[in-house]
Amino acid sequence: MSARRVLTGEGAAGTRSKAQAASERAVTATGTETIRVLLVDDHPVVADGVRAMLSAEPGIEVVGIAGSAAGAGELIDRERPDVVVCDIEIGADSGFDILRRHRDGRRDVAAARPAFVMFSAFERRSYFQQAFQDDAHGYVVKGASGPELVAAVRAAAAGDYRFGADVMRAVRDRVRRPSDRLLEVIGLIALGRTNDEVAHELGISRKTVEGHLRTLFNGYSVASRTELAMLAVREGWIQSGIVGGQS
């Protein structure tokens, strides 16, 4: 991935200067360089509120709202937005899938490759890392201020990347993902399986299970099965389950 100009968002809620405001009004008045934004969110109240907030900003036009991945694809193709403000959990759909589809599948159609700003209620390290890895142009938590989202939209439209300090810290501190076999062990441990049960379900010996656990405990500096399962959930390796079993 090429080097990115990342804006950390410090002071994002600051007041615009008179010169900036005048420039934005001039852009809107001429009808050129208006930032066309598409919202993707399956909660109408949230989407309507964000649309009202962004539409009140000089130089920003909300061209549509989609409540599903299919709807987002149709509107992106039809409206050619500059920026997509996209939720991550959209019913059974994933905002990251939408991002990747329009990042990878449309390289020959520049107009159909908008910049994505991920907009989520979740402050998960795994989501922060995925957004950065998938080349989103920003990540804004739904509890953030309006000016913070506006700043992220403007940065994305300009080709810049805007991530908060928490996101950048998560990216820097990313934990190495275990192998598929070790993830199978972790998943069963998180469900409260004993070593014998894990061995039986995976078709391996109890001694091999114990060796896998030693590798995981030492590699990730955890002291118990519960800590291991909690780490896996926090990093997004497995879904939250019932944690139990031996310590």
Protein backbone atom coordinates (compact mmCIF):
# COMPACT_ATOMS: atom_id res chain seq x y z
CA MET A 1 0.00 0.00 0.00
CA SER A 2 1.35 3.42 -0.89
CA ALA A 3 2.11 6.02 1.75
CA ARG A 4 -0.91 7.93 2.97
CA ARG A 5 -1.33 11.44 4.24
CA VAL A 6 -3.18 10.71 7.48
CA LEU A 7 -4.87 13.50 9.42
CA THR A 8 -5.31 12.51 13.05
CA GLY A 9 -8.38 14.64 13.64
CA GLU A 10 -6.87 16.80 16.36
CA GLY A 11 -8.87 20.00 16.59
CA ALA A 12 -11.41 18.75 14.07
CA ALA A 13 -14.23 20.50 15.84
CA GLY A 14 -12.56 23.90 15.64
CA THR A 15 -14.26 26.91 14.10
CA ARG A 16 -13.66 27.54 10.39
CA SER A 17 -11.97 30.78 9.51
CA LYS A 18 -13.92 33.47 7.64
CA ALA A 19 -11.77 32.81 4.58
CA GLN A 20 -12.59 29.09 4.66
CA ALA A 21 -16.30 29.76 5.07
CA ALA A 22 -16.29 32.28 2.22
CA SER A 23 -14.45 29.81 0.00
CA GLU A 24 -16.99 27.08 0.78
CA ARG A 25 -19.90 29.40 0.02
CA ALA A 26 -18.28 30.40 -3.26
CA VAL A 27 -17.85 26.78 -4.27
CA THR A 28 -21.51 26.08 -3.57
CA ALA A 29 -22.69 29.19 -5.38
CA THR A 30 -20.85 28.29 -8.58
CA GLY A 31 -22.22 24.76 -8.57
CA THR A 32 -18.76 23.25 -8.99
CA GLU A 33 -16.64 21.06 -6.75
CA THR A 34 -19.61 20.18 -4.55
CA ILE A 35 -18.86 17.04 -2.54
CA ARG A 36 -21.45 14.41 -3.41
CA VAL A 37 -22.06 12.10 -0.45
CA LEU A 38 -23.93 8.80 -0.21
CA LEU A 39 -25.01 7.48 3.19
CA VAL A 40 -25.21 3.74 3.88
CA ASP A 41 -26.99 2.91 7.14
CA ASP A 42 -29.87 0.59 8.00
CA HIS A 43 -31.15 2.83 10.80
CA PRO A 44 -33.41 5.50 9.21
CA VAL A 45 -33.30 7.82 12.24
CA VAL A 46 -29.49 7.88 12.15
CA ALA A 47 -29.34 8.26 8.37
CA ASP A 48 -31.90 11.09 8.34
CA GLY A 49 -30.06 12.94 11.09
CA VAL A 50 -26.72 12.65 9.32
CA ARG A 51 -28.28 13.75 6.03
CA ALA A 52 -29.74 16.85 7.66
CA MET A 53 -26.42 17.70 9.30
CA LEU A 54 -24.30 17.22 6.18
CA SER A 55 -26.80 18.96 3.90
CA ALA A 56 -26.53 22.07 6.06
CA GLU A 57 -22.80 22.26 5.32
CA PRO A 58 -21.59 24.50 2.48
CA GLY A 59 -20.27 22.53 -0.47
CA ILE A 60 -21.76 19.16 0.55
CA GLU A 61 -24.71 17.46 -1.13
CA VAL A 62 -26.22 14.18 0.10
CA VAL A 63 -27.26 12.34 -3.07
CA GLY A 64 -28.95 9.36 -1.44
CA ILE A 65 -29.35 6.92 1.43
CA ALA A 66 -29.02 3.14 1.15
CA GLY A 67 -30.08 0.67 3.81
CA SER A 68 -28.39 -2.42 2.36
CA ALA A 69 -25.37 -3.54 0.37
CA ALA A 70 -27.49 -4.06 -2.74
CA GLY A 71 -29.01 -0.62 -2.42
CA ALA A 72 -25.59 0.91 -1.88
CA GLY A 73 -24.26 -0.71 -5.05
CA GLU A 74 -27.15 0.60 -7.12
CA LEU A 75 -26.83 4.14 -5.78
CA ILE A 76 -23.05 4.23 -6.18
CA ASP A 77 -23.41 3.19 -9.82
CA ARG A 78 -26.19 5.67 -10.49
CA GLU A 79 -25.18 8.71 -8.44
CA ARG A 80 -21.37 8.48 -8.67
CA PRO A 81 -20.76 9.96 -5.19
CA ASP A 82 -17.38 11.37 -4.21
CA VAL A 83 -17.64 10.01 -0.67
CA VAL A 84 -19.59 7.14 0.88
CA VAL A 85 -20.28 7.43 4.61
CA CYS A 86 -20.82 3.76 5.41
CA ASP A 87 -21.97 1.90 8.50
CA ILE A 88 -20.14 -1.37 9.20
CA GLU A 89 -22.91 -3.66 10.44
CA ILE A 90 -25.80 -3.20 8.01
CA GLY A 91 -28.22 -5.97 8.89
CA ALA A 92 -26.61 -9.13 7.52
CA ASP A 93 -24.32 -7.07 5.27
CA SER A 94 -20.85 -5.73 6.00
CA GLY A 95 -19.77 -2.22 5.15
CA PHE A 96 -16.28 -3.56 4.55
CA ASP A 97 -17.63 -5.84 1.81
CA ILE A 98 -19.18 -2.80 0.11
CA LEU A 99 -15.89 -0.92 0.39
CA ARG A 100 -13.86 -3.79 -1.06
CA ARG A 101 -16.33 -4.37 -3.89
CA HIS A 102 -15.97 -0.81 -5.10
CA ARG A 103 -12.26 -0.64 -4.40
CA ASP A 104 -11.25 -3.85 -6.17
CA GLY A 105 -13.98 -4.54 -8.68
CA ARG A 106 -14.18 -1.16 -10.36
CA ARG A 107 -10.59 -0.15 -10.98
CA ASP A 108 -11.41 0.54 -14.63
CA VAL A 109 -14.22 2.94 -13.70
CA ALA A 110 -12.71 5.79 -11.71
CA ALA A 111 -16.05 7.52 -11.20
CA ALA A 112 -17.43 4.43 -9.48
CA ARG A 113 -14.64 4.36 -6.89
CA PRO A 114 -15.65 6.81 -4.19
CA ALA A 115 -13.69 7.36 -1.00
CA PHE A 116 -15.20 5.56 2.00
CA VAL A 117 -15.55 6.94 5.51
CA MET A 118 -16.58 4.15 7.88
CA PHE A 119 -19.21 5.35 10.35
CA SER A 120 -19.95 2.96 13.20
CA ALA A 121 -21.26 2.82 16.74
CA PHE A 122 -18.50 0.34 17.56
CA GLU A 123 -15.03 1.24 18.80
CA ARG A 124 -13.48 -2.15 18.09
CA ARG A 125 -9.78 -2.56 17.45
CA SER A 126 -10.53 -5.13 14.76
CA TYR A 127 -12.80 -2.66 12.95
CA PHE A 128 -10.20 0.12 13.20
CA GLN A 129 -7.57 -2.18 11.76
CA GLN A 130 -9.84 -3.48 9.01
CA ALA A 131 -10.77 0.05 7.93
CA PHE A 132 -7.12 1.01 7.63
CA GLN A 133 -6.19 -2.25 5.89
CA ASP A 134 -9.05 -1.97 3.38
CA ASP A 135 -8.02 1.58 2.44
CA ALA A 136 -10.97 3.43 3.91
CA HIS A 137 -10.29 7.17 4.03
CA GLY A 138 -11.57 7.58 7.56
CA TYR A 139 -13.30 6.06 10.57
CA VAL A 140 -15.76 8.09 12.63
CA VAL A 141 -17.59 6.75 15.67
CA LYS A 142 -21.30 7.61 15.78
CA GLY A 143 -20.85 9.27 19.15
CA ALA A 144 -18.45 11.81 17.62
CA SER A 145 -19.35 15.44 16.99
CA GLY A 146 -20.90 16.61 13.73
CA PRO A 147 -17.84 18.70 12.80
CA GLU A 148 -15.67 15.60 13.14
CA LEU A 149 -17.72 13.73 10.54
CA VAL A 150 -17.77 16.78 8.27
CA ALA A 151 -13.99 17.06 8.53
CA ALA A 152 -13.61 13.38 7.62
CA VAL A 153 -15.88 13.79 4.58
CA ARG A 154 -13.96 16.84 3.36
CA ALA A 155 -10.62 15.10 3.88
CA ALA A 156 -11.79 12.00 2.00
CA ALA A 157 -13.06 14.10 -0.90
CA ALA A 158 -9.62 15.74 -1.08
CA GLY A 159 -7.91 12.35 -1.19
CA ASP A 160 -6.63 12.53 2.39
CA TYR A 161 -7.10 10.00 5.20
CA ARG A 162 -8.55 11.03 8.55
CA PHE A 163 -8.27 8.64 11.48
CA GLY A 164 -8.43 9.43 15.18
CA ALA A 165 -5.65 8.69 17.63
CA ASP A 166 -7.43 5.52 18.84
CA VAL A 167 -7.55 4.12 15.32
CA MET A 168 -3.88 4.83 14.64
CA ARG A 169 -2.90 3.29 17.97
CA ALA A 170 -4.86 0.14 17.11
CA VAL A 171 -3.13 -0.04 13.72
CA ARG A 172 0.32 0.38 15.27
CA ASP A 173 -0.38 -2.18 17.99
CA ARG A 174 -1.98 -4.75 15.75
CA VAL A 175 -1.71 -8.26 17.17
CA ARG A 176 -0.56 -11.00 14.81
CA ARG A 177 -3.44 -13.27 13.82
CA PRO A 178 -3.00 -16.97 14.76
CA SER A 179 -3.05 -19.77 12.21
CA ASP A 180 -6.38 -21.31 11.19
CA ARG A 181 -5.69 -24.38 13.35
CA LEU A 182 -4.93 -22.27 16.42
CA LEU A 183 -8.08 -20.25 15.77
CA GLU A 184 -10.07 -23.48 15.81
CA VAL A 185 -8.57 -24.28 19.21
CA ILE A 186 -9.35 -20.79 20.51
CA GLY A 187 -12.93 -20.99 19.25
CA LEU A 188 -13.56 -24.23 21.10
CA ILE A 189 -11.84 -22.94 24.24
CA ALA A 190 -14.10 -19.88 24.14
CA LEU A 191 -17.10 -22.23 24.13
CA GLY A 192 -15.84 -23.88 27.32
CA ARG A 193 -14.50 -27.11 25.82
CA THR A 194 -11.97 -29.13 27.82
CA ASN A 195 -8.67 -30.24 26.32
CA ASP A 196 -10.08 -33.74 25.74
CA GLU A 197 -13.15 -32.30 24.00
CA VAL A 198 -11.02 -30.05 21.81
CA ALA A 199 -8.83 -33.01 20.87
CA HIS A 200 -11.87 -35.13 19.99
CA GLU A 201 -13.58 -32.44 17.90
CA LEU A 202 -10.42 -31.58 15.95
CA GLY A 203 -9.20 -35.16 15.59
CA ILE A 204 -5.89 -34.50 17.31
CA SER A 205 -4.28 -35.74 20.51
CA ARG A 206 -4.66 -34.14 23.93
CA LYS A 207 -0.89 -33.59 23.94
CA THR A 208 -1.15 -31.62 20.70
CA VAL A 209 -3.91 -29.48 22.19
CA GLU A 210 -1.73 -28.76 25.21
CA GLY A 211 1.12 -27.80 22.89
CA HIS A 212 -1.15 -25.43 20.96
CA LEU A 213 -2.25 -23.80 24.21
CA ARG A 214 1.35 -23.33 25.36
CA THR A 215 2.12 -21.69 22.02
CA LEU A 216 -0.85 -19.36 22.40
CA PHE A 217 -0.23 -18.52 26.06
CA ASN A 218 3.44 -17.73 25.43
CA GLY A 219 2.92 -16.00 22.10
CA TYR A 220 0.19 -13.66 23.33
CA SER A 221 1.31 -13.27 26.96
CA VAL A 222 -1.96 -14.52 28.45
CA ALA A 223 -2.23 -16.50 31.66
CA SER A 224 -5.55 -18.30 31.26
CA ARG A 225 -8.02 -19.69 28.76
CA THR A 226 -10.40 -16.87 29.63
CA GLU A 227 -7.79 -14.22 28.81
CA LEU A 228 -7.05 -15.99 25.54
CA ALA A 229 -10.73 -16.06 24.56
CA MET A 230 -11.20 -12.40 25.51
CA LEU A 231 -8.18 -11.43 23.40
CA ALA A 232 -9.61 -13.33 20.44
CA VAL A 233 -12.98 -11.61 20.76
CA ARG A 234 -11.39 -8.17 21.18
CA GLU A 235 -9.24 -8.65 18.08
CA GLY A 236 -12.21 -9.89 16.06
CA TRP A 237 -10.75 -13.37 15.45
CA ILE A 238 -13.87 -15.06 16.82
CA GLN A 239 -17.38 -14.00 17.76
CA SER A 240 -18.25 -13.58 21.41
CA GLY A 241 -19.08 -16.93 23.00
CA ILE A 242 -19.46 -18.59 26.36
CA VAL A 243 -16.06 -18.61 28.02
CA GLY A 244 -15.32 -21.36 30.48
CA GLY A 245 -13.27 -24.46 31.08
CA GLN A 246 -9.91 -24.84 32.71
CA SER A 247 -7.67 -21.92 33.60
